[in-house]
Amino acid sequence: MAAPHFDLRSRFASGEPFLFSWMSVPSPALAAQVARLPLDGVCLDMQHGMIGFPDAVGMIAAINAAGRPALVRTLWNDAATPGQCFDAGASCVIAPMVNTRAQAEALVRAAKYPPMGSRSWGGYTALQASGLAPADYLREANRMTMVFAMIETVEALENVEAIAATPGLDGLFVGPSDLSITLSKGAAIDKTGKDTLSAMTKVAAAAGKNGLVAGAFGGSADVIKTYLGLGYTFIAAAVDVDLMQAGAAELRKALAT
């Protein structure tokens, strides 16, 4: 039986919040469990997590088999990883450190098939999971997969209008920790500080103007609610290790009462 097709594009068009978990631990077995939490998808962190591409292949398959779309935050804004992740069956790639229009254009070229980009053919895992004939998959792949550029530096913020206008880009994704670090010149991490929220308002406006999805890393209920209020609908809700720590803390608290 083919894996389910995840129509993220239609889901985002609905305007409903898409809240997803964030994984740093390399384990297909754990990914299968995380995918069954009451959230909308699972993102694998290849940049700051411990997940390498061989780990990601099995984890993507486990997430898809559990009925959730697999998302990947790649190592960097490079030409190789987006295509690899889509070949393995990911539905969405989030690329870090996209600071200029030229870098955003390079990201689209890496992630999309011609004529929009230059992704090369050979994604047999994704092809088989889609249940489509090769010609049909080729025709539908650019619609079925989505690519987000991370906005997390002062340079990216200065160029956000040009980045957002990049043809083929599907969304902007704010890394608020890094953005707040660069805005404060290394003084603080402040995900809901005045300067951070002002910058995020600018990013959300640029995304909306260009028909892009506005996304961000949340991590807690209060932060998520704040970002939803700014117009963000694609939000990383919780990290695997944080969920485990919170569960253990709640157990300790319950035992102490």
Protein backbone atom coordinates (compact mmCIF):
# COMPACT_ATOMS: atom_id res chain seq x y z
CA MET A 1 0.00 0.00 0.00
CA ALA A 2 1.34 3.45 -0.86
CA ALA A 3 2.08 5.90 1.90
CA PRO A 4 -0.48 8.67 2.36
CA HIS A 5 -0.11 11.82 0.28
CA PHE A 6 0.21 14.89 2.47
CA ASP A 7 -1.30 17.93 0.78
CA LEU A 8 0.42 20.58 2.88
CA ARG A 9 -0.29 23.26 0.31
CA SER A 10 -4.06 22.91 0.71
CA ARG A 11 -3.71 22.70 4.48
CA PHE A 12 -1.75 25.96 4.63
CA ALA A 13 -4.25 27.63 2.30
CA SER A 14 -6.96 26.92 4.88
CA GLY A 15 -5.26 29.25 7.33
CA GLU A 16 -5.52 26.70 10.15
CA PRO A 17 -2.45 26.55 12.44
CA PHE A 18 -0.06 23.71 11.66
CA LEU A 19 1.79 22.79 14.88
CA PHE A 20 4.52 20.19 14.68
CA SER A 21 7.02 18.41 16.90
CA TRP A 22 10.77 18.82 16.53
CA MET A 23 13.16 15.88 16.82
CA SER A 24 16.87 15.92 17.69
CA VAL A 25 17.34 12.26 18.68
CA PRO A 26 18.20 9.85 15.82
CA SER A 27 15.75 6.98 16.18
CA PRO A 28 13.12 5.63 13.74
CA ALA A 29 11.38 3.88 16.65
CA LEU A 30 11.11 7.14 18.59
CA ALA A 31 10.05 9.00 15.42
CA ALA A 32 7.17 6.57 15.00
CA GLN A 33 5.99 7.41 18.53
CA VAL A 34 6.48 11.16 18.17
CA ALA A 35 4.47 11.03 14.93
CA ARG A 36 1.53 9.67 16.94
CA LEU A 37 1.43 12.61 19.34
CA PRO A 38 -1.53 14.99 18.87
CA LEU A 39 0.40 17.34 16.57
CA ASP A 40 0.31 17.85 12.80
CA GLY A 41 3.76 16.72 11.68
CA VAL A 42 7.34 15.95 12.74
CA CYS A 43 10.47 17.92 11.86
CA LEU A 44 13.90 16.28 11.93
CA ASP A 45 16.67 18.66 12.95
CA MET A 46 19.78 17.83 10.93
CA GLN A 47 21.45 21.14 11.79
CA HIS A 48 21.59 21.18 15.59
CA GLY A 49 20.22 17.74 16.37
CA MET A 50 22.15 14.47 16.18
CA ILE A 51 20.34 13.27 13.06
CA GLY A 52 22.38 12.42 9.97
CA PHE A 53 20.95 11.61 6.56
CA PRO A 54 21.10 7.80 7.04
CA ASP A 55 19.13 8.29 10.29
CA ALA A 56 16.68 10.61 8.54
CA VAL A 57 15.81 8.03 5.85
CA GLY A 58 14.40 5.56 8.38
CA MET A 59 12.80 8.28 10.47
CA ILE A 60 11.01 9.82 7.48
CA ALA A 61 9.61 6.41 6.55
CA ALA A 62 8.41 5.83 10.13
CA ILE A 63 6.76 9.25 10.33
CA ASN A 64 4.99 8.83 7.00
CA ALA A 65 3.84 5.33 7.95
CA ALA A 66 2.29 6.79 11.11
CA GLY A 67 0.19 9.11 8.97
CA ARG A 68 2.08 12.35 9.48
CA PRO A 69 4.14 14.44 7.07
CA ALA A 70 7.90 14.47 7.63
CA LEU A 71 9.66 17.83 7.64
CA VAL A 72 13.43 18.35 7.71
CA ARG A 73 15.56 21.27 8.91
CA THR A 74 18.67 20.77 6.81
CA LEU A 75 22.30 21.21 7.76
CA TRP A 76 22.66 24.50 5.92
CA ASN A 77 21.48 26.23 2.79
CA ASP A 78 23.29 23.78 0.53
CA ALA A 79 22.56 22.33 -2.89
CA ALA A 80 22.58 18.65 -1.92
CA THR A 81 20.38 18.12 1.11
CA PRO A 82 16.94 19.36 -0.06
CA GLY A 83 16.79 16.93 -2.97
CA GLN A 84 18.04 14.08 -0.79
CA CYS A 85 15.36 14.72 1.81
CA PHE A 86 12.60 14.92 -0.78
CA ASP A 87 13.94 11.74 -2.42
CA ALA A 88 13.59 10.02 0.97
CA GLY A 89 9.95 11.05 1.27
CA ALA A 90 10.00 14.34 3.18
CA SER A 91 7.17 16.76 2.44
CA CYS A 92 8.93 19.96 3.46
CA VAL A 93 12.48 21.27 3.84
CA ILE A 94 13.45 24.20 6.07
CA ALA A 95 16.85 25.63 5.09
CA PRO A 96 18.93 27.61 7.60
CA MET A 97 20.94 30.76 6.99
CA VAL A 98 19.27 32.11 3.87
CA ASN A 99 20.48 35.70 3.99
CA THR A 100 20.11 36.98 0.43
CA ARG A 101 17.89 36.72 -2.63
CA ALA A 102 20.68 34.86 -4.44
CA GLN A 103 20.82 32.25 -1.66
CA ALA A 104 17.03 31.87 -1.76
CA GLU A 105 17.17 31.35 -5.52
CA ALA A 106 19.86 28.69 -5.07
CA LEU A 107 17.65 26.96 -2.50
CA VAL A 108 14.72 26.83 -4.91
CA ARG A 109 16.96 25.46 -7.67
CA ALA A 110 18.10 22.69 -5.33
CA ALA A 111 14.58 21.82 -4.16
CA LYS A 112 12.45 22.00 -7.31
CA TYR A 113 12.39 20.13 -10.60
CA PRO A 114 12.67 22.06 -13.91
CA PRO A 115 11.52 24.47 -15.09
CA MET A 116 11.33 25.98 -11.61
CA GLY A 117 14.61 24.49 -10.39
CA SER A 118 17.28 21.92 -11.16
CA ARG A 119 16.55 19.04 -8.77
CA SER A 120 17.85 15.85 -10.37
CA TRP A 121 15.84 12.68 -10.91
CA GLY A 122 16.31 9.55 -8.82
CA GLY A 123 14.05 9.75 -5.77
CA TYR A 124 12.89 6.15 -5.90
CA THR A 125 11.78 6.04 -2.27
CA ALA A 126 9.59 9.12 -2.67
CA LEU A 127 8.30 7.86 -6.01
CA GLN A 128 7.26 4.49 -4.59
CA ALA A 129 5.73 6.08 -1.48
CA SER A 130 3.69 8.49 -3.59
CA GLY A 131 1.94 5.67 -5.44
CA LEU A 132 2.30 7.65 -8.67
CA ALA A 133 3.74 6.67 -12.01
CA PRO A 134 7.10 8.37 -12.72
CA ALA A 135 5.63 10.86 -15.19
CA ASP A 136 2.84 11.77 -12.75
CA TYR A 137 5.27 12.18 -9.86
CA LEU A 138 7.48 14.45 -11.96
CA ARG A 139 4.47 16.57 -12.86
CA GLU A 140 3.22 16.80 -9.26
CA ALA A 141 6.45 16.88 -7.22
CA ASN A 142 6.94 20.66 -7.15
CA ARG A 143 3.41 21.04 -5.79
CA MET A 144 3.71 18.12 -3.36
CA THR A 145 6.94 19.37 -1.77
CA MET A 146 7.51 22.69 -0.03
CA VAL A 147 10.65 24.65 0.82
CA PHE A 148 11.09 27.30 3.51
CA ALA A 149 13.94 29.79 3.88
CA MET A 150 14.98 30.54 7.44
CA ILE A 151 15.19 34.18 8.46
CA GLU A 152 17.51 34.34 11.46
CA THR A 153 20.04 37.14 10.95
CA VAL A 154 20.05 40.92 10.61
CA GLU A 155 21.24 40.50 7.02
CA ALA A 156 18.29 38.24 6.20
CA LEU A 157 15.91 40.69 7.86
CA GLU A 158 17.29 43.53 5.75
CA ASN A 159 16.79 41.42 2.62
CA VAL A 160 13.49 39.81 3.61
CA GLU A 161 11.40 41.57 0.95
CA ALA A 162 13.70 40.36 -1.83
CA ILE A 163 13.94 36.86 -0.33
CA ALA A 164 10.16 36.59 -0.01
CA ALA A 165 9.73 37.57 -3.68
CA THR A 166 11.85 34.61 -4.86
CA PRO A 167 9.84 32.57 -7.39
CA GLY A 168 9.25 29.01 -6.21
CA LEU A 169 9.83 29.69 -2.52
CA ASP A 170 6.94 28.40 -0.40
CA GLY A 171 7.51 30.00 2.99
CA LEU A 172 9.66 31.91 5.44
CA PHE A 173 10.64 30.35 8.76
CA VAL A 174 11.96 32.49 11.60
CA GLY A 175 14.60 31.16 13.96
CA PRO A 176 13.76 33.55 16.84
CA SER A 177 16.65 32.51 19.07
CA ASP A 178 19.31 33.28 16.47
CA LEU A 179 17.41 36.33 15.28
CA SER A 180 17.30 37.75 18.80
CA ILE A 181 20.99 36.98 19.28
CA THR A 182 21.96 38.87 16.14
CA LEU A 183 19.59 41.75 16.85
CA SER A 184 21.11 42.16 20.32
CA LYS A 185 24.68 41.66 19.02
CA GLY A 186 25.05 38.55 21.12
CA ALA A 187 23.63 39.98 24.35
CA ALA A 188 20.56 37.78 24.78
CA ILE A 189 18.18 35.11 23.57
CA ASP A 190 14.74 36.71 23.76
CA LYS A 191 12.10 34.99 21.59
CA THR A 192 9.34 37.39 22.61
CA GLY A 193 11.32 40.59 23.17
CA LYS A 194 10.18 43.86 21.62
CA ASP A 195 12.85 43.90 18.91
CA THR A 196 12.32 40.23 18.07
CA LEU A 197 8.56 40.61 17.70
CA SER A 198 8.99 43.77 15.65
CA ALA A 199 11.30 41.88 13.29
CA MET A 200 8.91 38.94 13.13
CA THR A 201 6.04 41.28 12.24
CA LYS A 202 8.13 42.48 9.29
CA VAL A 203 8.82 38.88 8.19
CA ALA A 204 5.15 37.90 8.44
CA ALA A 205 4.18 40.93 6.36
CA ALA A 206 6.71 40.02 3.66
CA ALA A 207 5.43 36.46 3.61
CA GLY A 208 1.80 37.55 3.34
CA LYS A 209 2.56 40.06 0.57
CA ASN A 210 4.09 37.30 -1.54
CA GLY A 211 1.60 34.53 -0.76
CA LEU A 212 4.08 32.58 1.38
CA VAL A 213 3.49 30.65 4.59
CA ALA A 214 4.88 32.33 7.72
CA GLY A 215 6.57 29.85 10.07
CA ALA A 216 8.65 30.00 13.22
CA PHE A 217 10.13 27.93 16.02
CA GLY A 218 7.90 28.23 19.09
CA GLY A 219 8.74 25.68 21.75
CA SER A 220 6.21 26.60 24.43
CA ALA A 221 2.52 27.42 24.69
CA ASP A 222 3.05 31.10 25.53
CA VAL A 223 5.45 31.64 22.64
CA ILE A 224 3.19 29.77 20.22
CA LYS A 225 0.20 31.93 21.19
CA THR A 226 2.26 35.08 20.69
CA TYR A 227 3.39 33.99 17.22
CA LEU A 228 -0.12 32.96 16.20
CA GLY A 229 -1.16 36.50 17.09
CA LEU A 230 1.43 37.83 14.64
CA GLY A 231 0.01 35.77 11.80
CA TYR A 232 2.32 32.75 11.94
CA THR A 233 0.57 29.48 11.16
CA PHE A 234 3.45 26.98 10.74
CA ILE A 235 5.04 26.59 14.17
CA ALA A 236 7.39 24.12 15.80
CA ALA A 237 5.56 23.37 19.02
CA ALA A 238 7.88 21.18 21.10
CA VAL A 239 11.24 19.40 21.00
CA ASP A 240 11.52 15.67 21.74
CA VAL A 241 13.98 16.06 24.63
CA ASP A 242 11.91 18.91 26.13
CA LEU A 243 8.79 16.74 26.02
CA MET A 244 10.60 13.93 27.84
CA GLN A 245 11.97 16.34 30.44
CA ALA A 246 8.56 17.91 30.96
CA GLY A 247 6.94 14.50 31.34
CA ALA A 248 9.48 13.43 33.94
CA ALA A 249 9.09 16.71 35.83
CA GLU A 250 5.30 16.33 35.84
CA LEU A 251 5.65 12.79 37.21
CA ARG A 252 7.97 14.00 39.99
CA LYS A 253 5.55 16.79 40.83
CA ALA A 254 2.60 14.41 40.98
CA LEU A 255 4.49 11.99 43.23
CA ALA A 256 5.40 14.82 45.62
CA THR A 257 1.81 15.89 46.22
